[in-house]
Amino acid sequence: MQKSGLEINQLVSKARQGDSKAFGQLYDNFAQRIFKYVRLKIQNREEAEDILQEVFVKAYRGLNSLNPENLNFNAWLYKVASNTVNDHFRKIYRAPEIVGIDEDFDTPDFNTPEKEITIKSDLETAQEAFTQLPVVYKQVLELRFLQDMSLTETAKILNKSNLSIRLIQYRALKRVKLILREKYGSEYGKI
């Protein structure tokens, strides 16, 4: 069960005082979502698991540097994850490559095979369009729509203003629409 911001901040305060049980609860609350975020960028599951572990080690070490006033632990933790992924790519001497939707991505279970085929086709189409976007567009769309982050949280994670995130999001969606129109014709014109 997701904890409220107040409960999270209370757990952070306890963890800062050395309460390992509180940090364990923070881990339980965020590990799955952070793993999904990392997994979108890292294709190899084992590498993604290692990065997840590294994220929480860095988070534990960084707890004392947090300012408890106006703390958004969720945004801070995603920022740690984003930086850890970038560090991973720097270590292997290549630019970060953000991967599209994972094959194991949870999709709704529909009864008819026709609907399942349509959904799979739509996911493949979206993934194909997504891979053609610039990195910053991908990051914003991932955080806003796949991770269900607010505008403010996304802005904090990417070190940008809310207005900048709204503009990037608008341009990214416009670019996706253009890509789909070019590939599939006017049937995607109403996106």
C-alpha atoms as a PDB file:
ATOM      1  CA  MET A   1       0.000   0.000   0.000  1.00  0.00           C
ATOM      2  CA  GLN A   2       1.295   3.452  -1.003  1.00  0.00           C
ATOM      3  CA  LYS A   3       2.097   5.744   1.883  1.00  0.00           C
ATOM      4  CA  SER A   4       1.180   9.419   2.016  1.00  0.00           C
ATOM      5  CA  GLY A   5       3.783  12.166   1.727  1.00  0.00           C
ATOM      6  CA  LEU A   6       3.543  12.820   5.466  1.00  0.00           C
ATOM      7  CA  GLU A   7       4.097   9.143   6.293  1.00  0.00           C
ATOM      8  CA  ILE A   8       7.052   9.038   3.890  1.00  0.00           C
ATOM      9  CA  ASN A   9       8.616  12.111   5.493  1.00  0.00           C
ATOM     10  CA  GLN A  10       8.162  10.545   8.946  1.00  0.00           C
ATOM     11  CA  LEU A  11       9.900   7.389   7.736  1.00  0.00           C
ATOM     12  CA  VAL A  12      12.709   9.496   6.249  1.00  0.00           C
ATOM     13  CA  SER A  13      13.166  11.280   9.587  1.00  0.00           C
ATOM     14  CA  LYS A  14      13.358   7.955  11.420  1.00  0.00           C
ATOM     15  CA  ALA A  15      15.758   6.507   8.838  1.00  0.00           C
ATOM     16  CA  ARG A  16      17.987   9.592   9.188  1.00  0.00           C
ATOM     17  CA  GLN A  17      18.215   8.789  12.898  1.00  0.00           C
ATOM     18  CA  GLY A  18      19.448   5.285  12.098  1.00  0.00           C
ATOM     19  CA  ASP A  19      16.166   3.358  12.116  1.00  0.00           C
ATOM     20  CA  SER A  20      16.859   0.584   9.603  1.00  0.00           C
ATOM     21  CA  LYS A  21      13.278  -0.663   9.844  1.00  0.00           C
ATOM     22  CA  ALA A  22      12.031   2.741   8.634  1.00  0.00           C
ATOM     23  CA  PHE A  23      14.439   2.627   5.707  1.00  0.00           C
ATOM     24  CA  GLY A  24      13.203  -0.896   4.957  1.00  0.00           C
ATOM     25  CA  GLN A  25       9.670   0.486   4.765  1.00  0.00           C
ATOM     26  CA  LEU A  26      10.871   3.199   2.376  1.00  0.00           C
ATOM     27  CA  TYR A  27      12.464   0.486   0.266  1.00  0.00           C
ATOM     28  CA  ASP A  28       9.259  -1.566   0.274  1.00  0.00           C
ATOM     29  CA  ASN A  29       7.234   1.489  -0.746  1.00  0.00           C
ATOM     30  CA  PHE A  30       9.463   2.565  -3.653  1.00  0.00           C
ATOM     31  CA  ALA A  31      11.514  -0.417  -4.889  1.00  0.00           C
ATOM     32  CA  GLN A  32       9.014  -1.749  -7.416  1.00  0.00           C
ATOM     33  CA  ARG A  33       8.355   1.660  -9.005  1.00  0.00           C
ATOM     34  CA  ILE A  34      12.042   2.563  -9.103  1.00  0.00           C
ATOM     35  CA  PHE A  35      12.818  -0.828 -10.643  1.00  0.00           C
ATOM     36  CA  LYS A  36      10.250  -0.234 -13.402  1.00  0.00           C
ATOM     37  CA  TYR A  37      11.799   3.191 -14.029  1.00  0.00           C
ATOM     38  CA  VAL A  38      15.307   1.704 -14.235  1.00  0.00           C
ATOM     39  CA  ARG A  39      14.111  -1.250 -16.311  1.00  0.00           C
ATOM     40  CA  LEU A  40      12.769   1.094 -18.993  1.00  0.00           C
ATOM     41  CA  LYS A  41      16.323   2.265 -19.527  1.00  0.00           C
ATOM     42  CA  ILE A  42      18.315  -0.919 -18.876  1.00  0.00           C
ATOM     43  CA  GLN A  43      17.414  -3.915 -20.996  1.00  0.00           C
ATOM     44  CA  ASN A  44      19.353  -6.470 -18.962  1.00  0.00           C
ATOM     45  CA  ARG A  45      17.312  -7.496 -15.910  1.00  0.00           C
ATOM     46  CA  GLU A  46      20.342  -8.369 -13.775  1.00  0.00           C
ATOM     47  CA  GLU A  47      21.978  -4.998 -14.515  1.00  0.00           C
ATOM     48  CA  ALA A  48      18.710  -3.254 -13.666  1.00  0.00           C
ATOM     49  CA  GLU A  49      18.561  -5.132 -10.337  1.00  0.00           C
ATOM     50  CA  ASP A  50      22.156  -4.098  -9.577  1.00  0.00           C
ATOM     51  CA  ILE A  51      21.314  -0.490 -10.372  1.00  0.00           C
ATOM     52  CA  LEU A  52      18.233  -0.665  -8.128  1.00  0.00           C
ATOM     53  CA  GLN A  53      20.454  -1.855  -5.287  1.00  0.00           C
ATOM     54  CA  GLU A  54      22.921   0.948  -5.984  1.00  0.00           C
ATOM     55  CA  VAL A  55      20.080   3.518  -5.974  1.00  0.00           C
ATOM     56  CA  PHE A  56      19.028   2.496  -2.483  1.00  0.00           C
ATOM     57  CA  VAL A  57      22.605   2.386  -1.211  1.00  0.00           C
ATOM     58  CA  LYS A  58      23.094   5.955  -2.493  1.00  0.00           C
ATOM     59  CA  ALA A  59      19.742   6.967  -1.016  1.00  0.00           C
ATOM     60  CA  TYR A  60      20.694   5.545   2.382  1.00  0.00           C
ATOM     61  CA  ARG A  61      24.035   7.336   2.316  1.00  0.00           C
ATOM     62  CA  GLY A  62      22.386  10.580   1.212  1.00  0.00           C
ATOM     63  CA  LEU A  63      19.652  10.687   3.850  1.00  0.00           C
ATOM     64  CA  ASN A  64      21.586  13.034   6.140  1.00  0.00           C
ATOM     65  CA  SER A  65      22.084  15.536   3.336  1.00  0.00           C
ATOM     66  CA  LEU A  66      18.317  15.903   2.835  1.00  0.00           C
ATOM     67  CA  ASN A  67      16.552  19.015   4.017  1.00  0.00           C
ATOM     68  CA  PRO A  68      13.432  17.766   5.849  1.00  0.00           C
ATOM     69  CA  GLU A  69      11.598  21.025   5.134  1.00  0.00           C
ATOM     70  CA  ASN A  70       9.735  20.908   1.814  1.00  0.00           C
ATOM     71  CA  LEU A  71      11.074  17.412   1.206  1.00  0.00           C
ATOM     72  CA  ASN A  72       9.674  15.491  -1.744  1.00  0.00           C
ATOM     73  CA  PHE A  73      11.358  12.155  -1.125  1.00  0.00           C
ATOM     74  CA  ASN A  74       9.660  10.590  -4.154  1.00  0.00           C
ATOM     75  CA  ALA A  75      11.156  13.137  -6.563  1.00  0.00           C
ATOM     76  CA  TRP A  76      14.534  12.987  -4.814  1.00  0.00           C
ATOM     77  CA  LEU A  77      14.661   9.191  -5.067  1.00  0.00           C
ATOM     78  CA  TYR A  78      13.788   9.267  -8.786  1.00  0.00           C
ATOM     79  CA  LYS A  79      16.549  11.818  -9.266  1.00  0.00           C
ATOM     80  CA  VAL A  80      18.994   9.467  -7.513  1.00  0.00           C
ATOM     81  CA  ALA A  81      17.783   6.665  -9.806  1.00  0.00           C
ATOM     82  CA  SER A  82      18.160   8.811 -12.904  1.00  0.00           C
ATOM     83  CA  ASN A  83      21.692   9.832 -11.913  1.00  0.00           C
ATOM     84  CA  THR A  84      22.616   6.229 -11.138  1.00  0.00           C
ATOM     85  CA  VAL A  85      21.408   5.074 -14.551  1.00  0.00           C
ATOM     86  CA  ASN A  86      23.395   7.865 -16.202  1.00  0.00           C
ATOM     87  CA  ASP A  87      26.472   6.857 -14.187  1.00  0.00           C
ATOM     88  CA  HIS A  88      25.988   3.288 -15.385  1.00  0.00           C
ATOM     89  CA  PHE A  89      26.002   4.383 -19.016  1.00  0.00           C
ATOM     90  CA  ARG A  90      29.043   6.599 -18.457  1.00  0.00           C
ATOM     91  CA  LYS A  91      30.889   3.616 -17.012  1.00  0.00           C
ATOM     92  CA  ILE A  92      30.405   1.623 -20.191  1.00  0.00           C
ATOM     93  CA  TYR A  93      31.426   4.565 -22.405  1.00  0.00           C
ATOM     94  CA  ARG A  94      28.268   5.121 -24.338  1.00  0.00           C
ATOM     95  CA  ALA A  95      25.492   7.661 -24.307  1.00  0.00           C
ATOM     96  CA  PRO A  96      22.429   6.745 -22.270  1.00  0.00           C
ATOM     97  CA  GLU A  97      19.876   4.954 -24.370  1.00  0.00           C
ATOM     98  CA  ILE A  98      16.323   4.903 -23.114  1.00  0.00           C
ATOM     99  CA  VAL A  99      14.504   1.763 -24.060  1.00  0.00           C
ATOM    100  CA  GLY A 100      10.872   1.644 -25.080  1.00  0.00           C
ATOM    101  CA  ILE A 101       8.153  -0.335 -23.432  1.00  0.00           C
ATOM    102  CA  ASP A 102       9.323  -3.620 -21.939  1.00  0.00           C
ATOM    103  CA  GLU A 103       7.973  -6.900 -23.339  1.00  0.00           C
ATOM    104  CA  ASP A 104       6.796  -7.752 -19.799  1.00  0.00           C
ATOM    105  CA  PHE A 105       4.848  -4.497 -19.546  1.00  0.00           C
ATOM    106  CA  ASP A 106       1.575  -5.163 -17.743  1.00  0.00           C
ATOM    107  CA  THR A 107      -1.356  -4.725 -20.086  1.00  0.00           C
ATOM    108  CA  PRO A 108      -5.007  -5.148 -19.200  1.00  0.00           C
ATOM    109  CA  ASP A 109      -6.318  -8.673 -19.615  1.00  0.00           C
ATOM    110  CA  PHE A 110      -9.124  -8.687 -22.187  1.00  0.00           C
ATOM    111  CA  ASN A 111     -11.217 -11.693 -23.039  1.00  0.00           C
ATOM    112  CA  THR A 112     -11.095 -11.596 -26.809  1.00  0.00           C
ATOM    113  CA  PRO A 113      -7.987 -12.373 -28.860  1.00  0.00           C
ATOM    114  CA  GLU A 114      -8.908  -9.550 -31.255  1.00  0.00           C
ATOM    115  CA  LYS A 115      -8.659  -6.987 -28.475  1.00  0.00           C
ATOM    116  CA  GLU A 116      -5.355  -8.475 -27.276  1.00  0.00           C
ATOM    117  CA  ILE A 117      -3.918  -8.268 -30.807  1.00  0.00           C
ATOM    118  CA  THR A 118      -5.075  -4.652 -31.136  1.00  0.00           C
ATOM    119  CA  ILE A 119      -3.481  -3.726 -27.813  1.00  0.00           C
ATOM    120  CA  LYS A 120      -0.213  -5.464 -28.729  1.00  0.00           C
ATOM    121  CA  SER A 121      -0.186  -3.676 -32.072  1.00  0.00           C
ATOM    122  CA  ASP A 122      -0.884  -0.316 -30.412  1.00  0.00           C
ATOM    123  CA  LEU A 123       1.927  -0.891 -27.895  1.00  0.00           C
ATOM    124  CA  GLU A 124       4.342  -1.784 -30.685  1.00  0.00           C
ATOM    125  CA  THR A 125       3.280   1.312 -32.625  1.00  0.00           C
ATOM    126  CA  ALA A 126       3.759   3.532 -29.565  1.00  0.00           C
ATOM    127  CA  GLN A 127       7.118   1.909 -28.813  1.00  0.00           C
ATOM    128  CA  GLU A 128       8.287   2.484 -32.374  1.00  0.00           C
ATOM    129  CA  ALA A 129       7.307   6.163 -32.240  1.00  0.00           C
ATOM    130  CA  PHE A 130       8.849   6.503 -28.775  1.00  0.00           C
ATOM    131  CA  THR A 131      12.258   5.260 -29.960  1.00  0.00           C
ATOM    132  CA  GLN A 132      12.430   8.091 -32.495  1.00  0.00           C
ATOM    133  CA  LEU A 133      12.124  10.830 -29.866  1.00  0.00           C
ATOM    134  CA  PRO A 134      15.029  12.837 -28.437  1.00  0.00           C
ATOM    135  CA  VAL A 135      16.201  11.708 -24.982  1.00  0.00           C
ATOM    136  CA  VAL A 136      14.663  14.623 -23.071  1.00  0.00           C
ATOM    137  CA  TYR A 137      11.269  13.988 -24.715  1.00  0.00           C
ATOM    138  CA  LYS A 138      11.476  10.319 -23.710  1.00  0.00           C
ATOM    139  CA  GLN A 139      12.390  11.207 -20.131  1.00  0.00           C
ATOM    140  CA  VAL A 140       9.470  13.595 -19.741  1.00  0.00           C
ATOM    141  CA  LEU A 141       6.939  11.186 -21.268  1.00  0.00           C
ATOM    142  CA  GLU A 142       8.255   8.299 -19.134  1.00  0.00           C
ATOM    143  CA  LEU A 143       8.013  10.244 -15.910  1.00  0.00           C
ATOM    144  CA  ARG A 144       4.677  11.889 -16.679  1.00  0.00           C
ATOM    145  CA  PHE A 145       2.781   8.951 -18.191  1.00  0.00           C
ATOM    146  CA  LEU A 146       4.557   5.700 -17.357  1.00  0.00           C
ATOM    147  CA  GLN A 147       5.601   6.659 -13.822  1.00  0.00           C
ATOM    148  CA  ASP A 148       2.525   8.868 -13.298  1.00  0.00           C
ATOM    149  CA  MET A 149       4.579  11.745 -11.879  1.00  0.00           C
ATOM    150  CA  SER A 150       3.180  15.216 -11.398  1.00  0.00           C
ATOM    151  CA  LEU A 151       4.469  18.175 -13.357  1.00  0.00           C
ATOM    152  CA  THR A 152       6.326  19.459 -10.289  1.00  0.00           C
ATOM    153  CA  GLU A 153       7.945  16.093  -9.525  1.00  0.00           C
ATOM    154  CA  THR A 154       9.051  15.704 -13.146  1.00  0.00           C
ATOM    155  CA  ALA A 155      10.504  19.226 -13.134  1.00  0.00           C
ATOM    156  CA  LYS A 156      12.434  18.505  -9.925  1.00  0.00           C
ATOM    157  CA  ILE A 157      13.842  15.226 -11.225  1.00  0.00           C
ATOM    158  CA  LEU A 158      15.007  16.757 -14.510  1.00  0.00           C
ATOM    159  CA  ASN A 159      16.160  20.088 -12.998  1.00  0.00           C
ATOM    160  CA  LYS A 160      13.777  22.109 -15.142  1.00  0.00           C
ATOM    161  CA  SER A 161      10.923  24.510 -14.512  1.00  0.00           C
ATOM    162  CA  ASN A 162       7.278  23.424 -14.624  1.00  0.00           C
ATOM    163  CA  LEU A 163       6.797  25.576 -17.710  1.00  0.00           C
ATOM    164  CA  SER A 164       9.762  23.905 -19.412  1.00  0.00           C
ATOM    165  CA  ILE A 165       8.357  20.432 -18.645  1.00  0.00           C
ATOM    166  CA  ARG A 166       4.936  21.417 -20.017  1.00  0.00           C
ATOM    167  CA  LEU A 167       6.567  22.705 -23.182  1.00  0.00           C
ATOM    168  CA  ILE A 168       8.717  19.587 -23.613  1.00  0.00           C
ATOM    169  CA  GLN A 169       5.681  17.374 -23.000  1.00  0.00           C
ATOM    170  CA  TYR A 170       3.655  19.295 -25.573  1.00  0.00           C
ATOM    171  CA  ARG A 171       6.459  19.068 -28.143  1.00  0.00           C
ATOM    172  CA  ALA A 172       7.017  15.370 -27.434  1.00  0.00           C
ATOM    173  CA  LEU A 173       3.347  14.521 -27.914  1.00  0.00           C
ATOM    174  CA  LYS A 174       3.225  16.650 -31.052  1.00  0.00           C
ATOM    175  CA  ARG A 175       6.293  14.797 -32.386  1.00  0.00           C
ATOM    176  CA  VAL A 176       4.697  11.406 -31.622  1.00  0.00           C
ATOM    177  CA  LYS A 177       1.560  12.513 -33.467  1.00  0.00           C
ATOM    178  CA  LEU A 178       3.653  13.589 -36.467  1.00  0.00           C
ATOM    179  CA  ILE A 179       5.605  10.311 -36.491  1.00  0.00           C
ATOM    180  CA  LEU A 180       2.402   8.278 -36.362  1.00  0.00           C
ATOM    181  CA  ARG A 181       0.787  10.397 -39.080  1.00  0.00           C
ATOM    182  CA  GLU A 182       3.794   9.977 -41.370  1.00  0.00           C
ATOM    183  CA  LYS A 183       3.855   6.237 -40.856  1.00  0.00           C
ATOM    184  CA  TYR A 184       0.154   5.387 -40.693  1.00  0.00           C
ATOM    185  CA  GLY A 185      -1.648   8.236 -42.424  1.00  0.00           C
ATOM    186  CA  SER A 186      -4.451  10.480 -41.284  1.00  0.00           C
ATOM    187  CA  GLU A 187      -6.103   7.830 -39.041  1.00  0.00           C
ATOM    188  CA  TYR A 188      -3.705   9.037 -36.312  1.00  0.00           C
ATOM    189  CA  GLY A 189      -4.487  12.676 -36.957  1.00  0.00           C
ATOM    190  CA  LYS A 190      -6.962  12.848 -34.065  1.00  0.00           C
ATOM    191  CA  ILE A 191      -4.506  11.794 -31.363  1.00  0.00           C
END
